[in-house]
Amino acid sequence: MTNRFWAQTNIFTTLAITSGLMLALAGGCKPSEPSLPTSRNAGQAGPLGYGWVFACAITNDEIDLSDRCLAQKAVALAYLAEGNVEMAQACALQIEDYSRGMVLAAIAEWLVAHNESEKAEALLPALEASGFVAKDWQREYIGSAIIRVQALLGKEQVVVKNAAKFSDHSRLGGDVAASLALVLARTGRVDEATGILGNLTQTNGLNTADSSVKGYLDMAALGRLDRGAVTQALVKAWEAAGTIRPPRRWDLQLEVIDAMTKQGMSKDALEHLALTSSNITIAVKLPPEVHSAMLCQCALLWKKLGQPQNGEALRGEAEKAIARKMEVIFQPGAYAIIATMYAEAGDLAQARTWYGRALDVAAGLENRRPRAQAGVEVCESLARHKEVIDAGIQKRLERLNGTFDVAQP
C-alpha cells in the first residue's frame, strides 16, 4: 500500500526540497535561513531556544534517534503555535526521520488556516519527499498527512484517489476516511461527510472511533458550515467520544468541550464538563502524571467557561494526584502542567514555584535522554507563559543547559 502511494508521487531531489520549501514559505523570494539556537546562545533565544538545544542533546544512536526526533518535532510545533513558521521550518529540515514530514504537514495546515493556501500547496512536494527519510511504516503516516493537507486544500479528486489506497489500513484507514469526509464537508456535502464519520463510529474500533471524533471536530472548525451543521457536528463528536473506553474517552471529551466553548455552546459545554470532571476526579487508579494532567485540563476549561471556582477545586485535586508515587522522569512534565494551570489563573508566584521544581528535578536526572526530554517538556510550557520567566527561572534553565557536555551544531 505504501509503495503504491509513493510510486505515484512526484518526488523532488533533497536539494530541490530544501530550496523549494524555503521559497514556498517566502512567497517566491529566497530568504535568509534562520539560525537555530545552540547551547552557547540559547539564553538569547527564549524557552524554545533552550528546548531545541535540549532536544538535540539526545544522542543519535539507533535507540535514541526516534526520541530525539520526537523532541525536535515538539519544539518545531511549539514554534509553529507561536506563528513562527520560519523557525518551525528550519527545525523540520534538521529532523532525520518521519517526524520531519509530520512537521511539514502541520506547517501546511497552519498556512491553509491563515489563508495562505498557495504556500501550503507549494509545500506538498517537500512533504511528499520527506518519505524518503522514513521507514516503510512511517511513510504511511506521512501519506495520511498528505491526504489531510490535500483535503484542506479542497482537492477532492486527489483525496478520493489516494484515500482508496488506505481503505484496508487497520491504523490509518479511519484518519484517511476522516480526511475524505473533511473535503466533502468543505464543498457543502455535509450529509455525505457525516455518513462516512458515522460508519467509523459503528466499527467499534478504537482507532476508527477516535478518527470519527476528530473528523467531526474538523468539520466544526472549517468555518464553512452554518450554525446548525456546526452544532450537529459537535453533538455527534460527543456521542462518538462516548463509544471509546476511558481514559482516551475523557481526552476526546475534553477536546469536544473545548470546541463547544469556542463555538459558543456554553450550556452543552458546562453540562458535559461537569460529567467529565467528576469522572476524572474519581479515577485515582490512573498514573499520577496522567491523572494530574487531565485534572488541570478540566480546571482550564472551567476558567474558559467563566466558572474559575470549579477550577480552583480541581487544582487541589491535581496537586494531590502528583503527590502520589510517581517515577521521577515524569515529575518535570507533571510539575510544568501544574505551573501552566497557575499561570493561566494569573498566580505567577505559584507558577514560578512549580516551574522551578520542574527544572530542578530535570537537572538532577542522571540519564541524558530523560533529562533532555524533561527539559523540552518544561520549555514547551514556558513558551506559552513567558511572563513567568524571571531571574530564578532563567538561572535554572542555564543550569540544565550546562548538564549537556556536547553542544549540538
Protein backbone atom coordinates (compact mmCIF):
# COMPACT_ATOMS: atom_id res chain seq x y z
CA MET A 1 0.00 0.00 0.00
CA THR A 2 2.72 2.45 0.97
CA ASN A 3 4.85 1.76 -2.09
CA ARG A 4 1.81 2.23 -4.32
CA PHE A 5 1.26 5.65 -2.77
CA TRP A 6 4.85 6.74 -3.19
CA ALA A 7 5.17 5.29 -6.68
CA GLN A 8 2.52 7.76 -7.86
CA THR A 9 4.05 10.73 -6.04
CA ASN A 10 6.17 13.35 -7.79
CA ILE A 11 9.42 13.38 -5.77
CA PHE A 12 11.96 16.20 -5.83
CA THR A 13 15.62 15.67 -5.00
CA THR A 14 16.75 16.56 -1.49
CA LEU A 15 18.41 19.77 -2.71
CA ALA A 16 15.27 20.86 -4.52
CA ILE A 17 13.18 20.01 -1.48
CA THR A 18 15.14 22.32 0.79
CA SER A 19 15.27 25.28 -1.58
CA GLY A 20 11.67 24.74 -2.70
CA LEU A 21 10.44 24.65 0.88
CA MET A 22 12.17 27.89 1.74
CA LEU A 23 10.93 29.59 -1.42
CA ALA A 24 7.39 28.43 -0.73
CA LEU A 25 7.42 29.92 2.73
CA ALA A 26 8.95 33.15 1.44
CA GLY A 27 6.35 33.57 -1.28
CA GLY A 28 8.88 33.13 -4.09
CA CYS A 29 11.76 35.25 -2.80
CA LYS A 30 14.70 33.28 -1.45
CA PRO A 31 15.03 34.19 2.24
CA SER A 32 17.98 34.03 4.58
CA GLU A 33 17.67 30.80 6.53
CA PRO A 34 17.06 31.45 10.24
CA SER A 35 19.82 30.30 12.57
CA LEU A 36 18.89 27.60 15.03
CA PRO A 37 19.83 28.07 18.68
CA THR A 38 22.95 26.47 20.14
CA SER A 39 23.94 25.78 23.72
CA ARG A 40 26.01 28.98 23.64
CA ASN A 41 23.19 31.35 22.68
CA ALA A 42 20.10 29.54 23.96
CA GLY A 43 19.65 32.18 26.62
CA GLN A 44 19.02 34.81 23.96
CA ALA A 45 16.59 32.59 22.05
CA GLY A 46 13.95 32.20 24.77
CA PRO A 47 12.49 29.00 26.21
CA LEU A 48 12.12 27.32 22.83
CA GLY A 49 15.78 28.06 22.14
CA TYR A 50 16.63 26.04 25.21
CA GLY A 51 14.06 23.45 24.16
CA TRP A 52 15.77 22.96 20.79
CA VAL A 53 19.17 22.63 22.43
CA PHE A 54 17.83 20.04 24.87
CA ALA A 55 16.14 18.07 22.06
CA CYS A 56 19.38 17.99 20.07
CA ALA A 57 21.28 16.84 23.15
CA ILE A 58 19.66 13.42 22.84
CA THR A 59 22.27 11.22 21.18
CA ASN A 60 21.73 9.96 17.66
CA ASP A 61 22.39 6.27 18.12
CA GLU A 62 19.78 3.87 16.82
CA ILE A 63 17.98 3.57 20.16
CA ASP A 64 17.72 7.29 20.86
CA LEU A 65 17.21 8.66 17.34
CA SER A 66 13.45 8.32 17.47
CA ASP A 67 13.27 10.07 20.85
CA ARG A 68 15.47 12.89 19.60
CA CYS A 69 13.33 13.38 16.51
CA LEU A 70 10.14 13.39 18.58
CA ALA A 71 11.62 16.01 20.90
CA GLN A 72 12.73 18.13 17.94
CA LYS A 73 9.25 17.77 16.46
CA ALA A 74 7.71 19.02 19.71
CA VAL A 75 9.87 22.15 19.63
CA ALA A 76 9.15 22.78 15.95
CA LEU A 77 5.40 22.54 16.59
CA ALA A 78 5.75 24.90 19.55
CA TYR A 79 7.40 27.46 17.26
CA LEU A 80 4.52 26.98 14.83
CA ALA A 81 1.98 27.52 17.62
CA GLU A 82 3.63 30.91 18.16
CA GLY A 83 3.21 31.68 14.47
CA ASN A 84 6.94 31.43 13.81
CA VAL A 85 6.71 29.46 10.58
CA GLU A 86 10.32 30.11 9.56
CA MET A 87 11.74 28.61 12.75
CA ALA A 88 9.37 25.66 12.54
CA GLN A 89 10.57 25.01 9.00
CA ALA A 90 14.23 25.37 9.98
CA CYS A 91 13.74 22.83 12.76
CA ALA A 92 11.91 20.46 10.44
CA LEU A 93 14.82 20.34 8.00
CA GLN A 94 17.10 19.09 10.79
CA ILE A 95 14.85 16.17 11.78
CA GLU A 96 16.11 12.85 10.46
CA ASP A 97 13.04 10.60 10.49
CA TYR A 98 9.37 10.79 9.56
CA SER A 99 8.73 13.49 12.15
CA ARG A 100 10.12 15.89 9.53
CA GLY A 101 7.15 15.12 7.31
CA MET A 102 4.69 15.48 10.17
CA VAL A 103 6.04 18.96 10.97
CA LEU A 104 5.88 19.98 7.30
CA ALA A 105 2.27 18.78 7.21
CA ALA A 106 1.47 20.86 10.29
CA ILE A 107 3.06 23.90 8.64
CA ALA A 108 0.91 23.34 5.55
CA GLU A 109 -2.20 23.10 7.73
CA TRP A 110 -1.24 26.32 9.51
CA LEU A 111 -0.82 28.09 6.19
CA VAL A 112 -4.26 26.96 4.99
CA ALA A 113 -5.82 28.12 8.25
CA HIS A 114 -4.18 31.53 7.79
CA ASN A 115 -5.40 31.99 4.21
CA GLU A 116 -2.10 31.13 2.56
CA SER A 117 -3.22 28.11 0.56
CA GLU A 118 -0.81 28.78 -2.31
CA LYS A 119 2.15 28.48 0.04
CA ALA A 120 0.63 25.36 1.58
CA GLU A 121 0.26 23.77 -1.85
CA ALA A 122 3.85 24.68 -2.70
CA LEU A 123 4.95 22.66 0.33
CA LEU A 124 3.40 19.42 -0.95
CA PRO A 125 6.47 18.26 -2.97
CA ALA A 126 8.71 18.69 0.08
CA LEU A 127 6.17 16.90 2.25
CA GLU A 128 5.95 14.05 -0.24
CA ALA A 129 9.73 13.77 -0.48
CA SER A 130 10.09 13.57 3.31
CA GLY A 131 9.00 9.95 2.94
CA PHE A 132 12.50 9.10 1.78
CA VAL A 133 13.94 9.71 5.25
CA ALA A 134 11.31 7.41 6.75
CA LYS A 135 10.89 3.69 7.22
CA ASP A 136 8.06 1.91 5.39
CA TRP A 137 5.54 2.09 8.24
CA GLN A 138 6.45 5.73 8.85
CA ARG A 139 5.77 6.60 5.22
CA GLU A 140 2.21 5.51 5.79
CA TYR A 141 1.79 8.26 8.38
CA ILE A 142 3.26 10.82 6.01
CA GLY A 143 0.92 9.58 3.28
CA SER A 144 -2.05 10.05 5.58
CA ALA A 145 -0.85 13.55 6.47
CA ILE A 146 -0.52 14.44 2.79
CA ILE A 147 -4.11 13.39 2.16
CA ARG A 148 -5.29 15.56 5.03
CA VAL A 149 -3.50 18.61 3.60
CA GLN A 150 -4.98 17.86 0.18
CA ALA A 151 -8.41 17.73 1.82
CA LEU A 152 -7.91 21.10 3.48
CA LEU A 153 -6.90 22.49 0.08
CA GLY A 154 -10.14 21.16 -1.41
CA LYS A 155 -8.53 18.67 -3.81
CA GLU A 156 -11.44 16.26 -3.81
CA GLN A 157 -10.46 14.07 -6.76
CA VAL A 158 -6.92 13.63 -5.49
CA VAL A 159 -8.17 12.81 -1.99
CA VAL A 160 -10.64 10.22 -3.29
CA LYS A 161 -7.92 8.58 -5.39
CA ASN A 162 -5.33 8.46 -2.62
CA ALA A 163 -7.80 7.53 0.13
CA ALA A 164 -8.63 4.31 -1.72
CA LYS A 165 -5.09 3.09 -1.07
CA PHE A 166 -5.70 3.26 2.69
CA SER A 167 -9.16 1.71 2.78
CA ASP A 168 -7.96 -1.52 4.42
CA HIS A 169 -5.36 0.02 6.71
CA SER A 170 -6.06 -1.00 10.30
CA ARG A 171 -4.47 2.05 11.90
CA LEU A 172 -4.75 4.86 9.38
CA GLY A 173 -7.87 3.91 7.44
CA GLY A 174 -10.01 5.90 9.87
CA ASP A 175 -7.83 9.02 9.65
CA VAL A 176 -7.89 8.95 5.85
CA ALA A 177 -11.67 8.41 5.82
CA ALA A 178 -11.98 11.45 8.10
CA SER A 179 -9.94 13.46 5.57
CA LEU A 180 -12.33 12.33 2.85
CA ALA A 181 -15.24 13.49 5.00
CA LEU A 182 -13.45 16.80 5.51
CA VAL A 183 -13.07 17.53 1.81
CA LEU A 184 -16.75 16.68 1.24
CA ALA A 185 -17.86 18.95 4.08
CA ARG A 186 -15.65 21.68 2.68
CA THR A 187 -17.73 21.65 -0.51
CA GLY A 188 -21.05 21.63 1.37
CA ARG A 189 -21.78 17.89 1.19
CA VAL A 190 -22.31 17.65 4.93
CA ASP A 191 -24.67 14.66 4.87
CA GLU A 192 -22.17 12.54 2.93
CA ALA A 193 -19.38 13.57 5.28
CA THR A 194 -21.49 12.77 8.34
CA GLY A 195 -22.31 9.36 6.87
CA ILE A 196 -18.63 8.49 6.50
CA LEU A 197 -17.83 9.53 10.06
CA GLY A 198 -20.88 7.70 11.40
CA ASN A 199 -19.67 4.49 9.78
CA LEU A 200 -16.32 4.90 11.53
CA THR A 201 -18.03 5.03 14.91
CA GLN A 202 -20.06 1.91 14.17
CA THR A 203 -16.96 -0.21 13.56
CA ASN A 204 -16.30 -0.19 17.34
CA GLY A 205 -12.56 0.05 16.79
CA LEU A 206 -10.51 2.38 18.98
CA ASN A 207 -8.61 3.91 16.08
CA THR A 208 -11.61 4.43 13.82
CA ALA A 209 -13.83 5.83 16.57
CA ASP A 210 -11.01 8.18 17.52
CA SER A 211 -10.82 9.30 13.88
CA SER A 212 -14.57 9.85 13.86
CA VAL A 213 -14.38 12.29 16.78
CA LYS A 214 -11.51 14.18 15.17
CA GLY A 215 -13.39 14.26 11.88
CA TYR A 216 -16.43 15.89 13.46
CA LEU A 217 -14.18 18.40 15.24
CA ASP A 218 -12.52 19.25 11.91
CA MET A 219 -15.90 19.80 10.29
CA ALA A 220 -16.97 22.13 13.07
CA ALA A 221 -13.76 24.14 12.76
CA LEU A 222 -13.91 24.54 8.97
CA GLY A 223 -15.59 27.92 9.11
CA ARG A 224 -17.74 26.97 6.10
CA LEU A 225 -20.75 25.33 7.77
CA ASP A 226 -23.87 27.04 9.06
CA ARG A 227 -24.62 27.20 12.76
CA GLY A 228 -26.90 24.17 12.70
CA ALA A 229 -24.34 22.00 10.94
CA VAL A 230 -21.60 23.03 13.38
CA THR A 231 -23.83 22.20 16.35
CA GLN A 232 -24.74 18.83 14.84
CA ALA A 233 -21.07 18.00 14.21
CA LEU A 234 -20.12 18.73 17.81
CA VAL A 235 -23.07 16.79 19.21
CA LYS A 236 -22.02 13.80 17.11
CA ALA A 237 -18.40 14.26 18.21
CA TRP A 238 -19.53 14.00 21.82
CA GLU A 239 -21.55 10.88 21.08
CA ALA A 240 -18.64 9.27 19.22
CA ALA A 241 -16.24 10.01 22.09
CA GLY A 242 -18.63 8.21 24.41
CA THR A 243 -18.11 4.96 22.49
CA ILE A 244 -14.42 4.83 23.47
CA ARG A 245 -13.16 3.41 26.74
CA PRO A 246 -11.58 5.68 29.36
CA PRO A 247 -9.13 7.29 29.74
CA ARG A 248 -9.00 8.03 26.00
CA ARG A 249 -12.72 8.82 26.15
CA TRP A 250 -12.05 11.64 28.59
CA ASP A 251 -9.22 13.07 26.49
CA LEU A 252 -11.52 13.31 23.50
CA GLN A 253 -14.45 14.59 25.54
CA LEU A 254 -12.28 17.46 26.80
CA GLU A 255 -11.39 18.29 23.19
CA VAL A 256 -15.08 18.36 22.29
CA ILE A 257 -15.90 20.54 25.29
CA ASP A 258 -13.17 22.97 24.26
CA ALA A 259 -14.58 23.10 20.73
CA MET A 260 -18.10 23.70 22.07
CA THR A 261 -16.74 26.52 24.22
CA LYS A 262 -15.14 28.17 21.18
CA GLN A 263 -18.37 27.82 19.21
CA GLY A 264 -20.47 29.45 21.93
CA MET A 265 -22.24 26.26 23.01
CA SER A 266 -21.73 27.13 26.65
CA LYS A 267 -24.74 25.27 28.05
CA ASP A 268 -23.71 21.97 26.47
CA ALA A 269 -20.06 22.55 27.37
CA LEU A 270 -20.85 23.20 31.04
CA GLU A 271 -23.09 20.15 31.30
CA HIS A 272 -20.51 17.88 29.67
CA LEU A 273 -17.61 19.32 31.67
CA ALA A 274 -19.41 18.67 34.94
CA LEU A 275 -19.78 15.00 34.00
CA THR A 276 -16.25 14.56 32.63
CA SER A 277 -14.62 16.40 35.55
CA SER A 278 -16.46 14.19 38.02
CA ASN A 279 -15.38 11.01 36.23
CA ILE A 280 -11.76 12.13 36.03
CA THR A 281 -11.61 13.27 39.67
CA ILE A 282 -12.51 9.82 40.98
CA ALA A 283 -10.21 7.98 38.54
CA VAL A 284 -7.47 7.63 41.15
CA LYS A 285 -6.10 4.45 39.58
CA LEU A 286 -4.76 6.43 36.63
CA PRO A 287 -0.99 7.01 36.65
CA PRO A 288 -0.49 10.18 38.71
CA GLU A 289 1.10 12.13 35.85
CA VAL A 290 -1.88 11.32 33.62
CA HIS A 291 -4.47 12.00 36.33
CA SER A 292 -3.00 15.38 37.26
CA ALA A 293 -2.76 16.46 33.61
CA MET A 294 -6.42 15.67 32.99
CA LEU A 295 -7.49 17.50 36.14
CA CYS A 296 -5.51 20.54 35.01
CA GLN A 297 -7.24 20.44 31.62
CA CYS A 298 -10.60 20.43 33.39
CA ALA A 299 -9.56 23.37 35.55
CA LEU A 300 -8.54 25.40 32.50
CA LEU A 301 -11.86 24.65 30.78
CA TRP A 302 -13.83 25.75 33.86
CA LYS A 303 -11.97 29.04 33.69
CA LYS A 304 -12.74 29.44 29.98
CA LEU A 305 -16.41 28.84 30.73
CA GLY A 306 -16.50 31.54 33.39
CA GLN A 307 -16.54 29.30 36.47
CA PRO A 308 -12.97 29.54 37.81
CA GLN A 309 -14.10 28.50 41.30
CA ASN A 310 -14.66 24.97 40.00
CA GLY A 311 -11.18 25.06 38.53
CA GLU A 312 -9.68 26.08 41.85
CA ALA A 313 -11.06 22.96 43.48
CA LEU A 314 -9.50 20.83 40.75
CA ARG A 315 -6.11 22.46 41.23
CA GLY A 316 -6.06 20.96 44.69
CA GLU A 317 -7.02 17.57 43.29
CA ALA A 318 -4.24 17.82 40.69
CA GLU A 319 -1.67 18.54 43.39
CA LYS A 320 -2.94 15.56 45.36
CA ALA A 321 -2.54 13.39 42.28
CA ILE A 322 1.10 14.28 41.72
CA ALA A 323 1.82 13.75 45.41
CA ARG A 324 1.20 10.05 44.83
CA LYS A 325 4.20 7.87 43.97
CA MET A 326 5.44 8.85 40.53
CA GLU A 327 8.53 7.87 38.57
CA VAL A 328 10.99 10.73 38.78
CA ILE A 329 11.35 11.03 34.99
CA PHE A 330 7.66 12.02 34.76
CA GLN A 331 7.81 14.62 37.52
CA PRO A 332 9.14 17.61 35.50
CA GLY A 333 6.36 17.33 32.91
CA ALA A 334 3.71 16.92 35.59
CA TYR A 335 5.02 19.90 37.56
CA ALA A 336 5.06 22.03 34.39
CA ILE A 337 1.39 21.25 33.80
CA ILE A 338 0.56 22.37 37.35
CA ALA A 339 2.58 25.52 36.68
CA THR A 340 0.58 26.14 33.50
CA MET A 341 -2.65 25.91 35.46
CA TYR A 342 -1.44 28.53 37.94
CA ALA A 343 -0.13 30.78 35.16
CA GLU A 344 -3.49 30.65 33.40
CA ALA A 345 -5.16 31.62 36.68
CA GLY A 346 -2.82 34.62 36.99
CA ASP A 347 -0.94 33.28 40.02
CA LEU A 348 2.58 33.85 38.70
CA ALA A 349 4.27 33.22 42.04
CA GLN A 350 2.86 29.70 42.29
CA ALA A 351 3.59 29.12 38.61
CA ARG A 352 7.24 30.06 39.17
CA THR A 353 7.42 27.73 42.16
CA TRP A 354 6.21 24.77 40.13
CA TYR A 355 8.35 25.60 37.09
CA GLY A 356 11.32 25.87 39.44
CA ARG A 357 10.61 22.42 40.86
CA ALA A 358 10.25 21.01 37.35
CA LEU A 359 13.62 22.39 36.23
CA ASP A 360 15.37 21.32 39.43
CA VAL A 361 14.17 17.73 39.06
CA ALA A 362 15.04 17.71 35.35
CA ALA A 363 18.59 18.90 36.02
CA GLY A 364 19.02 16.16 38.59
CA LEU A 365 18.07 13.29 36.28
CA GLU A 366 21.09 11.05 35.82
CA ASN A 367 20.48 9.80 32.28
CA ARG A 368 20.88 12.19 29.38
CA ARG A 369 17.84 11.18 27.33
CA PRO A 370 15.11 11.59 30.00
CA ARG A 371 16.86 14.75 31.24
CA ALA A 372 16.67 16.26 27.76
CA GLN A 373 13.08 15.11 27.24
CA ALA A 374 12.05 16.65 30.55
CA GLY A 375 13.74 19.91 29.58
CA VAL A 376 11.82 20.02 26.31
CA GLU A 377 8.51 19.48 28.10
CA VAL A 378 9.16 22.31 30.55
CA CYS A 379 10.32 24.67 27.81
CA GLU A 380 7.22 23.99 25.70
CA SER A 381 5.12 25.07 28.66
CA LEU A 382 7.27 28.11 29.46
CA ALA A 383 6.99 29.27 25.85
CA ARG A 384 3.25 29.73 26.40
CA HIS A 385 3.83 31.68 29.61
CA LYS A 386 6.92 33.80 29.10
CA GLU A 387 5.61 36.28 31.68
CA VAL A 388 6.59 33.73 34.34
CA ILE A 389 10.29 33.76 33.43
CA ASP A 390 12.34 35.70 35.97
CA ALA A 391 15.99 35.58 37.02
CA GLY A 392 15.40 32.41 39.04
CA ILE A 393 13.81 30.51 36.15
CA GLN A 394 16.48 31.77 33.75
CA LYS A 395 19.22 30.58 36.10
CA ARG A 396 17.63 27.13 36.31
CA LEU A 397 17.34 26.90 32.52
CA GLU A 398 21.02 27.74 32.17
CA ARG A 399 21.92 25.20 34.85
CA LEU A 400 20.05 22.49 32.93
CA ASN A 401 21.75 23.64 29.73
CA GLY A 402 25.10 23.17 31.40
CA THR A 403 24.43 19.49 32.15
CA PHE A 404 24.82 18.62 28.46
CA ASP A 405 28.51 18.49 27.73
CA VAL A 406 28.28 18.28 23.94
CA ALA A 407 26.88 21.29 22.10
CA GLN A 408 24.86 20.50 19.03
CA PRO A 409 25.87 22.20 15.76
